Protein backbone atom coordinates (compact mmCIF):
# COMPACT_ATOMS: atom_id res chain seq x y z
CA MET A 1 0.02 -0.31 0.05
CA LYS A 2 2.82 2.36 0.51
CA LYS A 3 4.51 2.02 -2.92
CA ILE A 4 1.07 2.59 -4.11
CA TYR A 5 0.76 5.89 -2.22
CA ILE A 6 3.90 7.07 -3.79
CA SER A 7 3.60 6.32 -7.00
CA ILE A 8 0.08 7.60 -7.39
CA ILE A 9 1.51 10.87 -5.96
CA SER A 10 4.69 10.91 -8.26
CA LEU A 11 2.63 10.22 -11.42
CA LEU A 12 0.05 12.82 -10.71
CA LEU A 13 2.67 15.27 -9.51
CA ILE A 14 4.26 15.23 -12.99
CA ALA A 15 1.38 14.65 -15.05
CA PRO A 16 -0.34 18.34 -16.41
CA THR A 17 -3.27 18.96 -18.03
CA PHE A 18 -3.35 18.94 -21.67
CA ALA A 19 -4.36 22.38 -23.14
CA LEU A 20 -4.27 24.35 -26.28
CA ALA A 21 -2.20 27.23 -25.06
CA ALA A 22 0.69 27.52 -22.88
CA GLU A 23 2.99 30.49 -21.43
CA ILE A 24 6.26 29.97 -20.39
CA GLN A 25 8.94 31.92 -18.54
CA PHE A 26 12.17 31.52 -17.69
CA LYS A 27 14.25 33.93 -15.54
CA GLU A 28 17.65 33.38 -14.06
CA THR A 29 16.94 35.12 -10.30
CA SER A 30 13.49 36.35 -10.18
CA ALA A 31 10.05 35.60 -12.13
CA THR A 32 7.16 37.41 -11.11
CA ILE A 33 3.61 37.29 -12.37
CA ASP A 34 1.87 40.74 -11.24
CA LYS A 35 -1.81 41.25 -10.62
CA SER A 36 -2.54 42.63 -13.83
CA GLN A 37 -1.66 39.49 -15.80
CA ASN A 38 -3.70 36.71 -16.40
CA PRO A 39 -1.55 33.73 -18.06
CA LYS A 40 -3.08 30.36 -19.11
CA ASN A 41 -1.43 27.08 -18.23
CA LEU A 42 1.63 29.02 -16.96
CA TYR A 43 5.30 27.00 -16.73
CA VAL A 44 7.55 29.33 -14.54
CA ALA A 45 10.94 28.33 -13.66
CA SER A 46 13.31 30.64 -11.57
CA GLN A 47 15.19 31.20 -8.69
CA THR A 48 12.36 33.12 -7.14
CA VAL A 49 9.03 32.31 -8.48
CA ASN A 50 6.04 34.67 -7.21
CA ILE A 51 2.74 34.59 -8.81
CA ASP A 52 0.64 37.72 -7.70
CA GLY A 53 -1.90 37.39 -10.20
CA ASN A 54 -4.89 34.96 -11.29
CA VAL A 55 -3.70 31.93 -13.63
CA SER A 56 -6.65 30.62 -16.09
CA ARG A 57 -6.15 26.46 -16.07
CA ASP A 58 -3.25 25.03 -14.83
CA LEU A 59 -0.01 26.32 -13.29
CA THR A 60 3.44 24.58 -13.26
CA ALA A 61 6.00 26.27 -11.29
CA ALA A 62 9.52 25.35 -10.02
CA GLY A 63 12.37 27.38 -8.11
CA ASN A 64 14.33 27.77 -4.79
CA SER A 65 11.04 29.81 -3.32
CA VAL A 66 7.72 29.75 -5.01
CA ASN A 67 5.01 31.85 -3.58
CA VAL A 68 1.75 31.52 -5.03
CA ASP A 69 -0.58 34.25 -3.95
CA GLY A 70 -3.05 34.54 -6.80
CA ASN A 71 -5.76 32.11 -7.76
CA VAL A 72 -5.55 29.59 -10.20
CA GLU A 73 -8.46 27.95 -12.17
CA GLY A 74 -7.11 24.63 -12.38
CA SER A 75 -4.40 22.46 -10.84
CA THR A 76 -1.07 23.94 -9.12
CA ASN A 77 2.26 22.09 -9.80
CA VAL A 78 4.94 23.29 -7.45
CA ALA A 79 8.39 22.14 -6.94
CA GLY A 80 10.74 24.10 -4.47
CA THR A 81 12.68 24.42 -1.88
CA SER A 82 10.31 26.94 0.26
CA ILE A 83 6.88 26.88 -0.95
CA THR A 84 3.75 28.93 0.19
CA ILE A 85 0.39 28.72 -1.33
CA LYS A 86 -1.94 31.59 -0.12
CA GLY A 87 -4.10 31.78 -3.37
CA ASN A 88 -7.34 29.28 -4.03
CA THR A 89 -6.58 26.49 -6.21
CA GLY A 90 -9.91 25.56 -8.25
CA ASN A 91 -8.74 21.36 -8.55
CA ASN A 92 -5.50 19.84 -7.29
CA VAL A 93 -2.71 21.06 -5.99
CA ARG A 94 0.75 18.88 -6.17
CA ALA A 95 3.67 20.05 -4.37
CA ILE A 96 7.06 18.62 -3.40
CA GLY A 97 10.08 20.74 -1.57
CA GLN A 98 11.56 21.05 1.62
CA ASN A 99 9.04 23.56 3.58
CA ILE A 100 5.67 23.47 2.12
CA VAL A 101 2.81 25.71 3.49
CA VAL A 102 -0.59 25.91 2.25
CA GLN A 103 -2.89 28.94 3.53
CA GLY A 104 -5.40 28.96 0.72
CA ASN A 105 -8.33 26.73 -0.61
CA VAL A 106 -8.00 23.60 -2.42
CA GLY A 107 -10.94 22.55 -4.54
CA GLY A 108 -9.67 19.00 -5.35
CA ASP A 109 -7.02 16.64 -3.76
CA LEU A 110 -3.62 17.96 -2.17
CA LEU A 111 -0.99 15.45 -2.72
CA THR A 112 2.51 16.55 -1.42
CA ALA A 113 5.80 15.71 0.10
CA GLY A 114 8.30 17.54 1.67
CA GLN A 115 10.55 18.16 5.17
CA ILE A 116 7.60 20.11 6.73
CA ILE A 117 4.17 20.60 5.63
CA VAL A 118 1.35 22.51 7.05
CA GLN A 119 -2.04 23.41 6.14
CA GLU A 120 -2.72 26.15 8.34
CA LYS A 121 -6.12 27.11 9.83
CA SER A 122 -7.44 29.14 6.96
CA SER A 123 -7.08 26.46 4.42
CA LEU A 124 -9.84 24.07 3.35
CA VAL A 125 -9.20 20.92 1.19
CA THR A 126 -12.27 19.88 -0.38
CA GLY A 127 -10.88 16.13 -1.49
CA ASP A 128 -8.48 14.14 -0.01
CA ILE A 129 -4.65 14.75 1.64
CA LEU A 130 -1.91 12.51 0.50
CA ALA A 131 1.23 13.29 2.05
CA VAL A 132 4.68 11.96 2.92
CA GLY A 133 7.07 13.96 5.01
CA ASN A 134 9.10 14.39 8.17
CA THR A 135 6.97 17.11 10.02
CA ILE A 136 3.34 17.18 9.09
CA GLU A 137 1.05 19.36 10.64
CA LEU A 138 -2.85 19.63 9.61
CA ASP A 139 -4.82 22.79 11.31
CA GLY A 140 -7.57 23.61 8.54
CA LYS A 141 -10.68 21.76 7.16
CA ILE A 142 -10.49 18.51 5.00
CA MET A 143 -13.85 17.14 3.86
CA GLY A 144 -12.12 14.29 2.76
CA ASN A 145 -9.81 11.34 3.85
CA VAL A 146 -6.28 12.07 5.39
CA ARG A 147 -3.34 9.56 4.33
CA ILE A 148 0.11 9.36 4.93
CA GLY A 149 2.60 7.46 3.94
CA ALA A 150 5.52 8.08 6.61
CA ALA A 151 6.44 10.77 9.13
CA SER A 152 8.75 11.19 12.14
CA LYS A 153 5.86 13.75 13.40
CA VAL A 154 2.06 14.42 12.76
CA VAL A 155 -0.23 17.01 14.56
CA ILE A 156 -3.52 17.03 13.78
CA ARG A 157 -5.77 20.13 15.19
CA GLY A 158 -7.91 20.76 12.20
CA ASP A 159 -11.78 19.20 11.21
CA ILE A 160 -11.33 16.20 9.26
CA GLY A 161 -14.62 14.68 7.70
CA GLY A 162 -13.52 11.26 6.39
CA PHE A 163 -10.90 8.89 8.18
CA VAL A 164 -7.23 9.16 8.78
CA GLN A 165 -4.64 6.68 7.98
CA ILE A 166 -0.86 6.70 8.51
CA GLU A 167 0.98 3.79 7.62
CA ALA A 168 4.32 4.86 9.68
CA VAL A 169 4.77 7.39 12.33
CA LYS A 170 7.08 8.20 15.19
CA ASP A 171 5.11 11.10 17.20
CA LEU A 172 1.25 11.58 16.56
CA THR A 173 -0.45 14.42 18.23
CA VAL A 174 -4.20 15.00 18.18
CA GLU A 175 -5.25 18.27 20.08
CA ASN A 176 -8.29 18.59 21.54
CA SER A 177 -9.32 21.32 18.93
CA ALA A 178 -9.15 18.53 16.37
CA LEU A 179 -12.53 16.47 15.14
CA ILE A 180 -11.96 13.52 13.13
CA ALA A 181 -15.56 11.77 11.53
CA GLY A 182 -14.07 8.79 10.50
CA LYS A 183 -11.63 6.31 11.95
CA LEU A 184 -8.28 6.99 13.09
CA THR A 185 -5.61 4.24 11.97
CA TYR A 186 -1.88 4.77 12.42
CA LYS A 187 1.13 2.53 12.96
CA SER A 188 3.96 3.60 15.34
CA PRO A 189 6.70 2.22 17.77
CA ASN A 190 4.47 4.83 19.97
CA THR A 191 1.19 5.36 21.16
CA ALA A 192 -0.28 8.75 19.87
CA ASN A 193 -1.00 11.80 22.08
CA ILE A 194 -4.90 12.11 21.67
CA ALA A 195 -6.19 14.53 23.94
CA ASN A 196 -9.90 13.90 23.53
CA GLU A 197 -10.71 10.49 21.78
CA GLN A 198 -14.36 11.40 21.91
CA ASN A 199 -13.65 14.10 19.12
CA ILE A 200 -12.65 10.74 16.84
CA LYS A 201 -16.09 9.64 15.94
CA GLY A 202 -15.02 6.62 14.01
CA GLY A 203 -12.80 5.54 16.92
CA VAL A 204 -9.23 4.59 17.16
CA GLU A 205 -7.11 1.84 15.69
CA TYR A 206 -3.64 1.30 16.84
CA LYS A 207 -0.81 -1.06 15.45
CA LYS A 208 2.39 -1.49 16.94
CA GLN A 209 5.64 -0.77 14.74
CA ALA A 210 8.28 -2.32 16.66
CA ASN A 211 10.71 -1.49 14.02
CA PRO A 212 9.90 0.85 11.57
CA ASP A 213 10.26 0.35 7.74
CA PHE A 214 13.47 2.42 6.94
CA ASN A 215 13.79 0.67 3.70
CA PHE A 216 10.44 2.80 3.04
CA ASN A 217 12.22 6.00 3.19
CA PHE A 218 15.04 4.88 0.72
CA LYS A 219 11.98 3.93 -1.51
CA GLN A 220 10.56 7.18 -1.14
CA VAL A 221 13.62 9.21 -1.74
CA TRP A 222 14.34 7.47 -5.04
CA TYR A 223 10.49 8.25 -6.23
CA TRP A 224 10.86 12.00 -5.45
CA SER A 225 14.34 12.30 -7.00
CA LEU A 226 13.01 10.62 -10.04
CA PHE A 227 9.87 13.13 -9.78
CA VAL A 228 12.20 16.17 -9.28
CA LYS A 229 14.44 14.60 -12.54
CA SER A 230 11.38 14.83 -14.26
CA ILE A 231 9.77 17.72 -13.58
CA VAL A 232 13.51 19.65 -14.59
CA LEU A 233 13.15 17.88 -17.68
CA LEU A 234 10.08 18.71 -18.50
CA ILE A 235 10.75 22.75 -17.62
CA VAL A 236 14.12 22.56 -19.54
CA LEU A 237 12.45 20.99 -22.63
CA LEU A 238 9.60 23.77 -22.74
CA ILE A 239 11.85 26.05 -22.73
CA ALA A 240 14.03 24.86 -25.47
CA VAL A 241 11.14 23.92 -27.78
CA TYR A 242 10.03 27.75 -27.12
CA LEU A 243 12.97 29.65 -27.49
CA VAL A 244 14.85 27.56 -30.11
CA PRO A 245 12.09 25.47 -32.11
CA ARG A 246 14.14 25.18 -35.09
CA PHE A 247 16.71 23.39 -33.00
CA ALA A 248 14.00 21.01 -31.59
CA ARG A 249 12.94 20.26 -34.99
CA ASN A 250 16.40 19.73 -36.70
CA PHE A 251 16.89 17.62 -33.41
CA VAL A 252 14.21 14.96 -34.19
CA ASN A 253 14.15 14.98 -37.82
CA GLU A 254 17.99 14.03 -38.00
CA THR A 255 17.83 11.50 -34.74
CA TYR A 256 15.57 9.15 -36.76
CA LYS A 257 16.82 10.04 -40.47
CA ARG A 258 19.48 8.25 -39.39
CA ILE A 259 18.72 6.41 -36.17
CA TRP A 260 21.10 3.36 -37.11
CA PRO A 261 24.27 5.54 -37.31
CA ASN A 262 22.89 7.57 -33.85
CA LEU A 263 22.70 3.95 -32.23
CA GLY A 264 26.20 2.87 -32.86
CA TRP A 265 27.75 6.49 -32.10
CA GLY A 266 25.77 6.56 -29.11
CA ALA A 267 27.57 3.70 -27.73
CA PHE A 268 30.50 4.44 -28.85
CA THR A 269 30.37 7.77 -27.43
CA LEU A 270 28.92 6.08 -23.86
CA PHE A 271 31.32 3.45 -23.47
CA VAL A 272 34.44 4.01 -25.89
CA LEU A 273 35.21 7.54 -25.02
CA PRO A 274 36.09 7.42 -21.41
CA ILE A 275 38.52 4.65 -21.80
CA ILE A 276 40.40 6.89 -24.62
CA GLY A 277 39.99 9.71 -21.69
CA VAL A 278 41.27 7.21 -19.12
CA ILE A 279 44.05 6.56 -21.50
CA LEU A 280 45.20 10.18 -22.34
CA PHE A 281 44.90 10.72 -18.91
CA ILE A 282 47.79 7.96 -18.10
CA THR A 283 49.96 9.25 -20.48
CA LEU A 284 50.48 12.55 -18.56
CA ILE A 285 51.22 14.55 -21.50
CA GLY A 286 47.53 14.21 -22.41
CA ILE A 287 46.09 15.20 -19.20
CA PRO A 288 44.39 18.63 -20.84
CA PHE A 289 43.22 16.83 -23.72
CA ALA A 290 41.47 14.29 -21.18
CA VAL A 291 40.26 17.11 -19.32
CA ILE A 292 38.60 18.57 -22.81
CA LEU A 293 37.32 15.30 -23.34
CA GLY A 294 35.88 15.03 -20.20
CA LEU A 295 34.20 18.00 -20.32
CA ILE A 296 32.65 17.36 -23.58
CA TYR A 297 31.58 13.80 -22.75
CA LEU A 298 29.65 15.18 -19.93
CA LEU A 299 27.81 17.95 -21.79
CA MET A 300 26.50 15.34 -24.37
CA ALA A 301 25.49 13.04 -21.96
CA ILE A 302 23.53 15.53 -20.22
CA SER A 303 22.18 17.04 -23.67
CA ALA A 304 21.02 13.52 -24.06
CA GLY A 305 19.34 12.70 -21.06
CA ILE A 306 17.57 16.00 -21.46
CA LEU A 307 16.44 15.42 -25.24
CA THR A 308 15.36 11.67 -24.74
CA PRO A 309 11.71 12.85 -23.69
CA LEU A 310 11.74 14.98 -26.91
CA ALA A 311 12.56 11.93 -28.97
CA ILE A 312 10.56 9.65 -27.64
CA GLY A 313 7.42 11.86 -27.50
CA SER A 314 8.07 13.32 -31.34
CA LEU A 315 8.04 9.67 -32.05
CA VAL A 316 4.30 8.62 -30.21
CA MET A 317 2.94 11.98 -31.48
CA LYS A 318 3.74 11.08 -35.34
CA LEU A 319 2.62 7.25 -34.50
CA VAL A 320 -0.63 8.91 -32.91
CA ASN A 321 -1.54 11.51 -35.08
CA LYS A 322 -0.23 9.28 -38.20
CA SER A 323 1.71 12.34 -39.58
CA THR A 324 4.74 12.20 -41.83
CA ALA A 325 6.49 14.50 -39.85
CA TYR A 326 7.92 14.53 -36.74
CA ALA A 327 6.23 17.04 -33.98
CA ALA A 328 8.49 18.97 -32.15
CA ASP A 329 5.97 21.28 -29.81
CA TRP A 330 5.33 21.57 -26.31
CA LYS A 331 2.55 18.82 -26.84
CA ALA A 332 5.71 16.45 -27.93
CA VAL A 333 7.41 17.27 -24.89
CA VAL A 334 4.78 16.58 -22.20
CA VAL A 335 3.90 13.15 -24.24
CA GLY A 336 7.25 12.32 -23.97
CA ALA A 337 8.17 13.12 -20.38
CA ILE A 338 5.18 11.23 -19.19
CA ILE A 339 6.22 8.57 -21.11
CA ALA A 340 9.71 8.91 -19.63
CA PHE A 341 8.75 8.92 -16.21
CA VAL A 342 6.22 6.12 -16.46
CA LEU A 343 9.19 3.62 -18.31
CA GLN A 344 11.40 4.39 -15.09
CA LEU A 345 8.97 2.68 -13.25
CA ILE A 346 8.51 -0.37 -14.98
CA PRO A 347 11.23 -3.17 -13.83
CA VAL A 348 13.91 -4.01 -16.58
CA ILE A 349 12.12 -3.22 -19.72
CA GLY A 350 11.01 0.41 -18.98
CA PRO A 351 14.87 1.50 -18.23
CA LEU A 352 15.91 -0.54 -21.38
CA VAL A 353 13.70 1.04 -23.90
CA LEU A 354 14.68 4.44 -22.47
CA PHE A 355 18.48 3.56 -22.78
CA VAL A 356 17.80 2.83 -26.37
CA PHE A 357 16.16 6.35 -26.89
CA PHE A 358 18.98 8.02 -24.85
CA LEU A 359 21.51 6.14 -27.21
CA PHE A 360 19.59 7.71 -29.82
CA ALA A 361 19.90 11.36 -28.62
CA LEU A 362 23.68 10.75 -27.50
CA GLY A 363 24.54 9.39 -30.93
CA GLU A 364 22.94 12.40 -32.72
CA ILE A 365 24.36 14.99 -30.38
CA ALA A 366 27.78 13.25 -31.05
CA LEU A 367 27.63 13.19 -34.91
CA THR A 368 26.38 16.83 -34.75
CA VAL A 369 29.59 17.85 -32.37
CA TRP A 370 32.00 15.88 -34.91
CA GLY A 371 30.56 17.28 -37.78
CA LEU A 372 31.27 21.03 -36.15
CA PHE A 373 34.66 19.71 -35.41
CA LYS A 374 35.40 18.87 -38.78
CA LYS A 375 34.03 21.99 -40.34
CA GLN A 376 36.39 23.91 -37.88
CA ARG A 377 39.57 21.97 -39.24
CA ALA A 378 38.17 22.54 -43.06
C-alpha cells in the first residue's frame, strides 16, 4: 500500500493537463506574475517565483522559493525548496519541496511530499490529502480523507470529514481542537497523544510497529528524486522548444533520419570515449586533452538525457497522429516526459527502452559535435 501511495503522488505530480495554449517564463534570478496578468497554462522556473496574478487553467512552477498568492483555476503543480500557497486552487494541488505551507483553499486533492508540510487553519481542502514528510501539521479543514505514507511527526488540530490513515509515524499528536468524523488508524512504535478521543467519531485503531520500515524511506527518496528530475526535464524542454524551435525540429528529424548510425555512435560515445580519456590521462602529456574530452563527454551525456523525452514524444505523436513529420512542440515534450517517467517505474524493460532512446539522442549529439569539429578544421 505504501508503494501505491508514492507511485500515485509521483505520477500525479508530473502529469499536467493538456490544453490548447501554454505560456512559458524562464528567468535566472526572479520571475513574477503581477496582479494585472492573467496567464493560461503557465510554466515558470526561476530562483525565486512569485505568482501574484490569477492563472487560468493550470500552473506549473519550479524554483528555490515559490510563492503563489494568486488564484489558480485548474491545478497547481509546484516544486521548490520553500513553497507557500496563499491563493485558492480550483482543482488539485501537487507540491514537493523542503518547506511547504498551504494557506488557501484547494478544490480537489492535496498531494504533497516535503520535510515540513503545514496546512494552516485558513485552508479548506475539498478532497483528500495524500502526504509524505518529516513533520506534517494539519490545522485546517479537510472534507475528505487523510492518508499519510510516512512521517516522523504528525500533529492534527483541524476538522477532518473522513478517515485518517497513517502507515508509519514516530510521534502522533491529536489536539483537543481536532475533530475526525471517521476512523483514525496508525502504525507507530509509540502510542499517540490524543487529547480527547471522543472527538474521533470512528474510533482509534493502533498497530504496534516495533521496527519502522526504514527501507520505505529509501524508496520514498528514490521516487521523489525521480519526480524532481522529471519535472526539471519537462521545464527545460518546454523552454527549449519555445526559445529554439528550429533546433528542436532539426534534432528529432535528424535523430530518426539516421537512426542506426545514431545508435552506433551513441554506444561508442558512452562506452569507448571514457576509455580514450583514461588512456590520455595516464600518458600525463595528454592530461589537458583528457580534461577537455571529459567535459565534452559530460555535456553530451547531460544534453542527451534532457533531449531523450523529446525524441520519445515526437515519435509517439507521429504514430498517434499518423503524420509524415515529427512533432517538436510542447505537446510532444509533455507526452515524452510522462512516458519517460512511467518507463522508469517499469522494472527492466522500462529502463532498457529509455536507454535505447538515450543512445539515439547521444549519437545524434555526437555526430553533430563531430560535424562541427570537421568544419572548424576545414
